[in-house]
Full PDB file with SEQRES, HELIX, SHEET, SSBOND, CRYST1, ORIGX, SCALE, CONECT and MASTER records, all heavy atoms in Angstrom:
SEQRES   1 A   35  CYS TYR LEU SER LYS ASP TYR GLY LYS THR TRP GLN THR          
SEQRES   2 A   35  ILE PHE ASP LEU ALA THR VAL THR THR GLY ILE GLY VAL          
SEQRES   3 A   35  HIS MET HIS GLY ALA CYS PHE ASP PRO                          
HELIX    1 AA1 LEU A   17  THR A   19  5                                   3    
SHEET    1 AA1 2 TYR A   2  LEU A   3  0                                        
SHEET    2 AA1 2 GLN A  12  THR A  13 -1                                        
CRYST1    1.000    1.000    1.000  90.00  90.00  90.00 P 1           1          
ORIGX1      1.000000  0.000000  0.000000        0.00000                         
ORIGX2      0.000000  1.000000  0.000000        0.00000                         
ORIGX3      0.000000  0.000000  1.000000        0.00000                         
SCALE1      1.000000  0.000000  0.000000        0.00000                         
SCALE2      0.000000  1.000000  0.000000        0.00000                         
SCALE3      0.000000  0.000000  1.000000        0.00000                         
ATOM      1  N   CYS A   1      10.269   7.077  12.065  1.00  0.00           N  
ATOM      2  CA  CYS A   1       9.595   5.861  12.092  1.00  0.00           C  
ATOM      3  C   CYS A   1       8.883   5.626  10.764  1.00  0.00           C  
ATOM      4  O   CYS A   1       8.247   6.564  10.279  1.00  0.00           O  
ATOM      5  CB  CYS A   1       8.502   5.776  13.250  1.00  0.00           C  
ATOM      6  SG  CYS A   1       7.598   4.222  13.318  1.00  0.00           S  
ATOM      7  N   TYR A   2       8.885   4.391  10.209  1.00  0.00           N  
ATOM      8  CA  TYR A   2       8.324   4.196   8.828  1.00  0.00           C  
ATOM      9  C   TYR A   2       7.247   3.142   8.977  1.00  0.00           C  
ATOM     10  O   TYR A   2       7.305   2.217   9.822  1.00  0.00           O  
ATOM     11  CB  TYR A   2       9.416   3.623   7.885  1.00  0.00           C  
ATOM     12  CG  TYR A   2      10.676   4.410   7.950  1.00  0.00           C  
ATOM     13  CD1 TYR A   2      11.747   4.103   8.786  1.00  0.00           C  
ATOM     14  CD2 TYR A   2      10.861   5.491   7.036  1.00  0.00           C  
ATOM     15  CE1 TYR A   2      12.934   4.753   8.787  1.00  0.00           C  
ATOM     16  CE2 TYR A   2      12.033   6.265   7.053  1.00  0.00           C  
ATOM     17  CZ  TYR A   2      13.139   5.926   7.929  1.00  0.00           C  
ATOM     18  OH  TYR A   2      14.282   6.666   7.935  1.00  0.00           O  
ATOM     19  N   LEU A   3       6.246   3.262   8.211  1.00  0.00           N  
ATOM     20  CA  LEU A   3       5.051   2.393   8.079  1.00  0.00           C  
ATOM     21  C   LEU A   3       4.804   1.766   6.686  1.00  0.00           C  
ATOM     22  O   LEU A   3       4.818   2.636   5.711  1.00  0.00           O  
ATOM     23  CB  LEU A   3       3.859   3.112   8.579  1.00  0.00           C  
ATOM     24  CG  LEU A   3       2.435   2.337   8.519  1.00  0.00           C  
ATOM     25  CD1 LEU A   3       2.393   1.178   9.369  1.00  0.00           C  
ATOM     26  CD2 LEU A   3       1.346   3.252   8.765  1.00  0.00           C  
ATOM     27  N   SER A   4       4.479   0.532   6.642  1.00  0.00           N  
ATOM     28  CA  SER A   4       4.075  -0.055   5.482  1.00  0.00           C  
ATOM     29  C   SER A   4       2.672  -0.607   5.748  1.00  0.00           C  
ATOM     30  O   SER A   4       2.541  -1.266   6.827  1.00  0.00           O  
ATOM     31  CB  SER A   4       4.998  -1.284   5.109  1.00  0.00           C  
ATOM     32  OG  SER A   4       4.310  -1.963   4.030  1.00  0.00           O  
ATOM     33  N   LYS A   5       1.773  -0.474   4.851  1.00  0.00           N  
ATOM     34  CA  LYS A   5       0.411  -0.904   5.048  1.00  0.00           C  
ATOM     35  C   LYS A   5       0.069  -2.164   4.178  1.00  0.00           C  
ATOM     36  O   LYS A   5      -1.064  -2.567   4.190  1.00  0.00           O  
ATOM     37  CB  LYS A   5      -0.657   0.172   4.732  1.00  0.00           C  
ATOM     38  CG  LYS A   5      -0.451   1.528   5.527  1.00  0.00           C  
ATOM     39  CD  LYS A   5      -1.426   2.572   5.053  1.00  0.00           C  
ATOM     40  CE  LYS A   5      -1.063   3.873   5.723  1.00  0.00           C  
ATOM     41  NZ  LYS A   5      -2.009   5.040   5.196  1.00  0.00           N  
ATOM     42  N   ASP A   6       1.042  -2.519   3.490  1.00  0.00           N  
ATOM     43  CA  ASP A   6       0.781  -3.699   2.489  1.00  0.00           C  
ATOM     44  C   ASP A   6       2.004  -4.842   2.632  1.00  0.00           C  
ATOM     45  O   ASP A   6       2.442  -5.178   1.576  1.00  0.00           O  
ATOM     46  CB  ASP A   6       0.770  -3.074   1.077  1.00  0.00           C  
ATOM     47  CG  ASP A   6       1.923  -2.229   0.691  1.00  0.00           C  
ATOM     48  OD1 ASP A   6       2.987  -2.198   1.481  1.00  0.00           O  
ATOM     49  OD2 ASP A   6       1.898  -1.543  -0.287  1.00  0.00           O  
ATOM     50  N   TYR A   7       2.182  -5.093   3.795  1.00  0.00           N  
ATOM     51  CA  TYR A   7       3.076  -6.233   4.077  1.00  0.00           C  
ATOM     52  C   TYR A   7       4.512  -5.909   3.631  1.00  0.00           C  
ATOM     53  O   TYR A   7       5.321  -6.803   3.191  1.00  0.00           O  
ATOM     54  CB  TYR A   7       2.674  -7.565   3.382  1.00  0.00           C  
ATOM     55  CG  TYR A   7       1.288  -8.107   3.933  1.00  0.00           C  
ATOM     56  CD1 TYR A   7       0.098  -7.815   3.367  1.00  0.00           C  
ATOM     57  CD2 TYR A   7       1.327  -8.902   5.056  1.00  0.00           C  
ATOM     58  CE1 TYR A   7      -1.052  -8.316   3.755  1.00  0.00           C  
ATOM     59  CE2 TYR A   7       0.116  -9.430   5.470  1.00  0.00           C  
ATOM     60  CZ  TYR A   7      -1.112  -9.056   4.821  1.00  0.00           C  
ATOM     61  OH  TYR A   7      -2.286  -9.624   5.274  1.00  0.00           O  
ATOM     62  N   GLY A   8       4.850  -4.673   3.636  1.00  0.00           N  
ATOM     63  CA  GLY A   8       6.237  -4.263   3.344  1.00  0.00           C  
ATOM     64  C   GLY A   8       6.575  -3.965   1.844  1.00  0.00           C  
ATOM     65  O   GLY A   8       7.749  -3.680   1.521  1.00  0.00           O  
ATOM     66  N   LYS A   9       5.574  -3.850   1.052  1.00  0.00           N  
ATOM     67  CA  LYS A   9       5.788  -3.587  -0.339  1.00  0.00           C  
ATOM     68  C   LYS A   9       6.086  -2.026  -0.554  1.00  0.00           C  
ATOM     69  O   LYS A   9       7.054  -1.714  -1.344  1.00  0.00           O  
ATOM     70  CB  LYS A   9       4.452  -3.930  -1.097  1.00  0.00           C  
ATOM     71  CG  LYS A   9       4.229  -5.408  -1.276  1.00  0.00           C  
ATOM     72  CD  LYS A   9       2.978  -5.561  -2.105  1.00  0.00           C  
ATOM     73  CE  LYS A   9       2.550  -7.010  -2.210  1.00  0.00           C  
ATOM     74  NZ  LYS A   9       1.331  -7.281  -2.923  1.00  0.00           N  
ATOM     75  N   THR A  10       5.315  -1.200   0.147  1.00  0.00           N  
ATOM     76  CA  THR A  10       5.517   0.275   0.006  1.00  0.00           C  
ATOM     77  C   THR A  10       5.746   0.838   1.391  1.00  0.00           C  
ATOM     78  O   THR A  10       5.120   0.261   2.385  1.00  0.00           O  
ATOM     79  CB  THR A  10       4.436   1.009  -0.737  1.00  0.00           C  
ATOM     80  OG1 THR A  10       3.295   0.739  -0.025  1.00  0.00           O  
ATOM     81  CG2 THR A  10       4.407   0.340  -2.233  1.00  0.00           C  
ATOM     82  N   TRP A  11       6.384   1.991   1.494  1.00  0.00           N  
ATOM     83  CA  TRP A  11       6.691   2.630   2.777  1.00  0.00           C  
ATOM     84  C   TRP A  11       6.401   4.089   2.794  1.00  0.00           C  
ATOM     85  O   TRP A  11       6.525   4.766   1.769  1.00  0.00           O  
ATOM     86  CB  TRP A  11       8.126   2.293   3.162  1.00  0.00           C  
ATOM     87  CG  TRP A  11       8.323   0.870   3.407  1.00  0.00           C  
ATOM     88  CD1 TRP A  11       8.703  -0.149   2.475  1.00  0.00           C  
ATOM     89  CD2 TRP A  11       8.286   0.080   4.723  1.00  0.00           C  
ATOM     90  NE1 TRP A  11       8.900  -1.307   3.049  1.00  0.00           N  
ATOM     91  CE2 TRP A  11       8.736  -1.187   4.409  1.00  0.00           C  
ATOM     92  CE3 TRP A  11       8.194   0.506   6.009  1.00  0.00           C  
ATOM     93  CZ2 TRP A  11       8.724  -2.191   5.355  1.00  0.00           C  
ATOM     94  CZ3 TRP A  11       8.175  -0.388   6.909  1.00  0.00           C  
ATOM     95  CH2 TRP A  11       8.530  -1.812   6.687  1.00  0.00           C  
ATOM     96  N   GLN A  12       6.161   4.656   4.052  1.00  0.00           N  
ATOM     97  CA  GLN A  12       6.025   6.079   4.209  1.00  0.00           C  
ATOM     98  C   GLN A  12       6.611   6.483   5.650  1.00  0.00           C  
ATOM     99  O   GLN A  12       6.585   5.672   6.484  1.00  0.00           O  
ATOM    100  CB  GLN A  12       4.596   6.493   4.147  1.00  0.00           C  
ATOM    101  CG  GLN A  12       3.688   5.905   5.197  1.00  0.00           C  
ATOM    102  CD  GLN A  12       2.225   6.272   5.083  1.00  0.00           C  
ATOM    103  OE1 GLN A  12       1.405   5.513   4.793  1.00  0.00           O  
ATOM    104  NE2 GLN A  12       2.000   7.627   5.245  1.00  0.00           N  
ATOM    105  N   THR A  13       7.144   7.632   5.779  1.00  0.00           N  
ATOM    106  CA  THR A  13       7.667   8.072   6.976  1.00  0.00           C  
ATOM    107  C   THR A  13       6.446   8.711   7.741  1.00  0.00           C  
ATOM    108  O   THR A  13       5.789   9.629   7.199  1.00  0.00           O  
ATOM    109  CB  THR A  13       8.761   9.317   6.802  1.00  0.00           C  
ATOM    110  OG1 THR A  13       9.790   8.688   5.975  1.00  0.00           O  
ATOM    111  CG2 THR A  13       9.268   9.740   8.076  1.00  0.00           C  
ATOM    112  N   ILE A  14       6.248   8.287   8.990  1.00  0.00           N  
ATOM    113  CA  ILE A  14       5.109   8.660   9.688  1.00  0.00           C  
ATOM    114  C   ILE A  14       5.408   9.461  10.982  1.00  0.00           C  
ATOM    115  O   ILE A  14       4.566  10.141  11.636  1.00  0.00           O  
ATOM    116  CB  ILE A  14       4.207   7.488  10.089  1.00  0.00           C  
ATOM    117  CG1 ILE A  14       4.948   6.516  10.948  1.00  0.00           C  
ATOM    118  CG2 ILE A  14       3.640   6.863   8.860  1.00  0.00           C  
ATOM    119  CD1 ILE A  14       4.075   5.440  11.571  1.00  0.00           C  
ATOM    120  N   PHE A  15       6.669   9.412  11.380  1.00  0.00           N  
ATOM    121  CA  PHE A  15       7.125  10.161  12.642  1.00  0.00           C  
ATOM    122  C   PHE A  15       8.514  10.663  12.484  1.00  0.00           C  
ATOM    123  O   PHE A  15       9.420  10.062  11.960  1.00  0.00           O  
ATOM    124  CB  PHE A  15       7.099   9.166  13.837  1.00  0.00           C  
ATOM    125  CG  PHE A  15       7.337   9.827  15.159  1.00  0.00           C  
ATOM    126  CD1 PHE A  15       6.358  10.477  15.850  1.00  0.00           C  
ATOM    127  CD2 PHE A  15       8.683   9.827  15.741  1.00  0.00           C  
ATOM    128  CE1 PHE A  15       6.641  11.115  17.134  1.00  0.00           C  
ATOM    129  CE2 PHE A  15       8.959  10.400  16.934  1.00  0.00           C  
ATOM    130  CZ  PHE A  15       7.902  11.018  17.663  1.00  0.00           C  
ATOM    131  N   ASP A  16       8.613  11.941  12.980  1.00  0.00           N  
ATOM    132  CA  ASP A  16      10.013  12.644  12.825  1.00  0.00           C  
ATOM    133  C   ASP A  16      10.340  13.170  14.199  1.00  0.00           C  
ATOM    134  O   ASP A  16       9.558  14.135  14.721  1.00  0.00           O  
ATOM    135  CB  ASP A  16       9.942  13.748  11.807  1.00  0.00           C  
ATOM    136  CG  ASP A  16      11.256  14.499  11.704  1.00  0.00           C  
ATOM    137  OD1 ASP A  16      12.127  14.157  12.393  1.00  0.00           O  
ATOM    138  OD2 ASP A  16      11.292  15.447  10.884  1.00  0.00           O  
ATOM    139  N   LEU A  17      11.308  12.622  14.903  1.00  0.00           N  
ATOM    140  CA  LEU A  17      11.623  12.986  16.242  1.00  0.00           C  
ATOM    141  C   LEU A  17      12.082  14.513  16.337  1.00  0.00           C  
ATOM    142  O   LEU A  17      11.874  15.098  17.315  1.00  0.00           O  
ATOM    143  CB  LEU A  17      12.788  12.156  16.644  1.00  0.00           C  
ATOM    144  CG  LEU A  17      13.329  12.321  18.102  1.00  0.00           C  
ATOM    145  CD1 LEU A  17      12.218  12.154  19.127  1.00  0.00           C  
ATOM    146  CD2 LEU A  17      14.441  11.323  18.355  1.00  0.00           C  
ATOM    147  N   ALA A  18      12.557  15.040  15.246  1.00  0.00           N  
ATOM    148  CA  ALA A  18      12.955  16.452  15.192  1.00  0.00           C  
ATOM    149  C   ALA A  18      11.720  17.360  15.444  1.00  0.00           C  
ATOM    150  O   ALA A  18      11.952  18.540  15.784  1.00  0.00           O  
ATOM    151  CB  ALA A  18      13.600  16.778  13.883  1.00  0.00           C  
ATOM    152  N   THR A  19      10.580  16.921  15.270  1.00  0.00           N  
ATOM    153  CA  THR A  19       9.323  17.826  15.370  1.00  0.00           C  
ATOM    154  C   THR A  19       8.831  17.851  16.823  1.00  0.00           C  
ATOM    155  O   THR A  19       7.997  18.583  17.100  1.00  0.00           O  
ATOM    156  CB  THR A  19       8.229  17.323  14.415  1.00  0.00           C  
ATOM    157  OG1 THR A  19       7.822  15.911  14.901  1.00  0.00           O  
ATOM    158  CG2 THR A  19       8.722  17.280  12.953  1.00  0.00           C  
ATOM    159  N   VAL A  20       9.380  16.920  17.670  1.00  0.00           N  
ATOM    160  CA  VAL A  20       8.839  16.900  19.067  1.00  0.00           C  
ATOM    161  C   VAL A  20       9.970  17.194  20.105  1.00  0.00           C  
ATOM    162  O   VAL A  20       9.540  17.387  21.214  1.00  0.00           O  
ATOM    163  CB  VAL A  20       8.158  15.557  19.451  1.00  0.00           C  
ATOM    164  CG1 VAL A  20       6.969  15.292  18.467  1.00  0.00           C  
ATOM    165  CG2 VAL A  20       9.127  14.423  19.215  1.00  0.00           C  
ATOM    166  N   THR A  21      11.226  17.158  19.724  1.00  0.00           N  
ATOM    167  CA  THR A  21      12.223  17.512  20.745  1.00  0.00           C  
ATOM    168  C   THR A  21      13.476  18.116  20.033  1.00  0.00           C  
ATOM    169  O   THR A  21      13.648  17.781  18.855  1.00  0.00           O  
ATOM    170  CB  THR A  21      12.704  16.238  21.506  1.00  0.00           C  
ATOM    171  OG1 THR A  21      13.699  16.647  22.441  1.00  0.00           O  
ATOM    172  CG2 THR A  21      13.251  15.205  20.593  1.00  0.00           C  
ATOM    173  N   THR A  22      14.144  18.991  20.783  1.00  0.00           N  
ATOM    174  CA  THR A  22      15.464  19.492  20.269  1.00  0.00           C  
ATOM    175  C   THR A  22      16.551  18.940  21.184  1.00  0.00           C  
ATOM    176  O   THR A  22      17.579  19.475  21.192  1.00  0.00           O  
ATOM    177  CB  THR A  22      15.435  21.017  20.299  1.00  0.00           C  
ATOM    178  OG1 THR A  22      15.122  21.458  21.632  1.00  0.00           O  
ATOM    179  CG2 THR A  22      14.378  21.475  19.267  1.00  0.00           C  
ATOM    180  N   GLY A  23      16.245  17.930  21.933  1.00  0.00           N  
ATOM    181  CA  GLY A  23      17.225  17.422  22.966  1.00  0.00           C  
ATOM    182  C   GLY A  23      18.486  16.859  22.278  1.00  0.00           C  
ATOM    183  O   GLY A  23      18.426  16.099  21.261  1.00  0.00           O  
ATOM    184  N   ILE A  24      19.658  17.271  22.742  1.00  0.00           N  
ATOM    185  CA  ILE A  24      20.898  16.732  22.276  1.00  0.00           C  
ATOM    186  C   ILE A  24      21.037  15.325  22.775  1.00  0.00           C  
ATOM    187  O   ILE A  24      20.899  15.002  23.833  1.00  0.00           O  
ATOM    188  CB  ILE A  24      22.074  17.681  22.685  1.00  0.00           C  
ATOM    189  CG1 ILE A  24      21.822  19.090  22.215  1.00  0.00           C  
ATOM    190  CG2 ILE A  24      23.343  17.123  22.316  1.00  0.00           C  
ATOM    191  CD1 ILE A  24      22.841  20.129  22.871  1.00  0.00           C  
ATOM    192  N   GLY A  25      21.490  14.525  21.743  1.00  0.00           N  
ATOM    193  CA  GLY A  25      21.751  13.116  22.129  1.00  0.00           C  
ATOM    194  C   GLY A  25      20.599  12.168  21.980  1.00  0.00           C  
ATOM    195  O   GLY A  25      20.758  10.978  22.235  1.00  0.00           O  
ATOM    196  N   VAL A  26      19.409  12.635  21.547  1.00  0.00           N  
ATOM    197  CA  VAL A  26      18.271  11.821  21.459  1.00  0.00           C  
ATOM    198  C   VAL A  26      18.376  10.969  20.163  1.00  0.00           C  
ATOM    199  O   VAL A  26      18.982  11.356  19.159  1.00  0.00           O  
ATOM    200  CB  VAL A  26      16.949  12.498  21.524  1.00  0.00           C  
ATOM    201  CG1 VAL A  26      16.733  13.159  22.872  1.00  0.00           C  
ATOM    202  CG2 VAL A  26      16.851  13.572  20.334  1.00  0.00           C  
ATOM    203  N   HIS A  27      17.638   9.816  20.106  1.00  0.00           N  
ATOM    204  CA  HIS A  27      17.321   9.060  18.889  1.00  0.00           C  
ATOM    205  C   HIS A  27      16.149   8.145  19.134  1.00  0.00           C  
ATOM    206  O   HIS A  27      15.743   8.008  20.287  1.00  0.00           O  
ATOM    207  CB  HIS A  27      18.615   8.295  18.427  1.00  0.00           C  
ATOM    208  CG  HIS A  27      19.172   7.162  19.356  1.00  0.00           C  
ATOM    209  ND1 HIS A  27      20.064   6.367  18.981  1.00  0.00           N  
ATOM    210  CD2 HIS A  27      18.728   6.829  20.560  1.00  0.00           C  
ATOM    211  CE1 HIS A  27      20.310   5.467  19.915  1.00  0.00           C  
ATOM    212  NE2 HIS A  27      19.505   5.780  20.947  1.00  0.00           N  
ATOM    213  N   MET A  28      15.685   7.547  18.109  1.00  0.00           N  
ATOM    214  CA  MET A  28      14.580   6.679  18.130  1.00  0.00           C  
ATOM    215  C   MET A  28      14.826   5.306  18.899  1.00  0.00           C  
ATOM    216  O   MET A  28      16.062   4.868  18.780  1.00  0.00           O  
ATOM    217  CB  MET A  28      14.059   6.324  16.727  1.00  0.00           C  
ATOM    218  CG  MET A  28      13.361   7.588  16.120  1.00  0.00           C  
ATOM    219  SD  MET A  28      11.921   8.253  16.969  1.00  0.00           S  
ATOM    220  CE  MET A  28      10.847   6.896  16.838  1.00  0.00           C  
ATOM    221  N   HIS A  29      13.910   4.794  19.549  1.00  0.00           N  
ATOM    222  CA  HIS A  29      14.025   3.578  20.224  1.00  0.00           C  
ATOM    223  C   HIS A  29      12.988   2.515  19.752  1.00  0.00           C  
ATOM    224  O   HIS A  29      13.106   1.949  18.587  1.00  0.00           O  
ATOM    225  CB  HIS A  29      13.907   3.633  21.645  1.00  0.00           C  
ATOM    226  CG  HIS A  29      15.172   4.041  22.321  1.00  0.00           C  
ATOM    227  ND1 HIS A  29      15.296   4.204  23.840  1.00  0.00           N  
ATOM    228  CD2 HIS A  29      16.398   4.357  21.974  1.00  0.00           C  
ATOM    229  CE1 HIS A  29      16.442   4.578  24.070  1.00  0.00           C  
ATOM    230  NE2 HIS A  29      17.207   4.685  22.961  1.00  0.00           N  
ATOM    231  N   GLY A  30      11.896   2.409  20.351  1.00  0.00           N  
ATOM    232  CA  GLY A  30      10.955   1.319  20.065  1.00  0.00           C  
ATOM    233  C   GLY A  30       9.695   1.809  19.263  1.00  0.00           C  
ATOM    234  O   GLY A  30       9.346   3.005  19.073  1.00  0.00           O  
ATOM    235  N   ALA A  31       9.047   0.685  18.637  1.00  0.00           N  
ATOM    236  CA  ALA A  31       7.741   1.026  17.961  1.00  0.00           C  
ATOM    237  C   ALA A  31       6.915  -0.240  18.052  1.00  0.00           C  
ATOM    238  O   ALA A  31       7.483  -1.338  18.160  1.00  0.00           O  
ATOM    239  CB  ALA A  31       8.050   1.261  16.385  1.00  0.00           C  
ATOM    240  N   CYS A  32       5.630  -0.102  18.201  1.00  0.00           N  
ATOM    241  CA  CYS A  32       4.677  -1.197  18.327  1.00  0.00           C  
ATOM    242  C   CYS A  32       3.451  -0.926  17.617  1.00  0.00           C  
ATOM    243  O   CYS A  32       2.777   0.199  17.897  1.00  0.00           O  
ATOM    244  CB  CYS A  32       4.516  -1.465  19.751  1.00  0.00           C  
ATOM    245  SG  CYS A  32       3.363  -2.771  20.149  1.00  0.00           S  
ATOM    246  N   PHE A  33       2.872  -1.835  16.922  1.00  0.00           N  
ATOM    247  CA  PHE A  33       1.452  -1.704  16.319  1.00  0.00           C  
ATOM    248  C   PHE A  33       0.657  -2.407  17.396  1.00  0.00           C  
ATOM    249  O   PHE A  33       0.743  -3.721  17.652  1.00  0.00           O  
ATOM    250  CB  PHE A  33       1.283  -2.334  14.996  1.00  0.00           C  
ATOM    251  CG  PHE A  33       0.051  -2.032  14.475  1.00  0.00           C  
ATOM    252  CD1 PHE A  33      -0.232  -0.972  13.626  1.00  0.00           C  
ATOM    253  CD2 PHE A  33      -1.123  -2.900  14.656  1.00  0.00           C  
ATOM    254  CE1 PHE A  33      -1.489  -0.668  13.107  1.00  0.00           C  
ATOM    255  CE2 PHE A  33      -2.363  -2.668  14.098  1.00  0.00           C  
ATOM    256  CZ  PHE A  33      -2.550  -1.575  13.315  1.00  0.00           C  
ATOM    257  N   ASP A  34      -0.284  -1.693  17.915  1.00  0.00           N  
ATOM    258  CA  ASP A  34      -1.168  -2.232  18.961  1.00  0.00           C  
ATOM    259  C   ASP A  34      -2.585  -2.640  18.382  1.00  0.00           C  
ATOM    260  O   ASP A  34      -3.416  -1.746  18.157  1.00  0.00           O  
ATOM    261  CB  ASP A  34      -1.337  -1.137  20.120  1.00  0.00           C  
ATOM    262  CG  ASP A  34      -2.269  -1.469  21.195  1.00  0.00           C  
ATOM    263  OD1 ASP A  34      -3.012  -2.536  21.143  1.00  0.00           O  
ATOM    264  OD2 ASP A  34      -2.365  -0.739  22.201  1.00  0.00           O  
ATOM    265  N   PRO A  35      -2.720  -3.905  18.184  1.00  0.00           N  
ATOM    266  CA  PRO A  35      -3.951  -4.309  17.552  1.00  0.00           C  
ATOM    267  C   PRO A  35      -5.313  -4.201  18.343  1.00  0.00           C  
ATOM    268  O   PRO A  35      -6.340  -4.264  17.860  1.00  0.00           O  
ATOM    269  CB  PRO A  35      -3.698  -5.784  17.138  1.00  0.00           C  
ATOM    270  CG  PRO A  35      -2.780  -6.279  18.290  1.00  0.00           C  
ATOM    271  CD  PRO A  35      -1.917  -5.023  18.513  1.00  0.00           C  
TER     272      PRO A  35                                                      
MASTER        0    0    0    1    2    0    0    6  271    1    0    3          
END                                                                             
């Protein structure tokens, strides 16, 4: 999962699924910024 703090000008990786599961067949789904 990637985050921009400046309306999409610059980006950083903030979440890596490989650090929380070793499940075969998994991949990322949704993301939401909760104001």
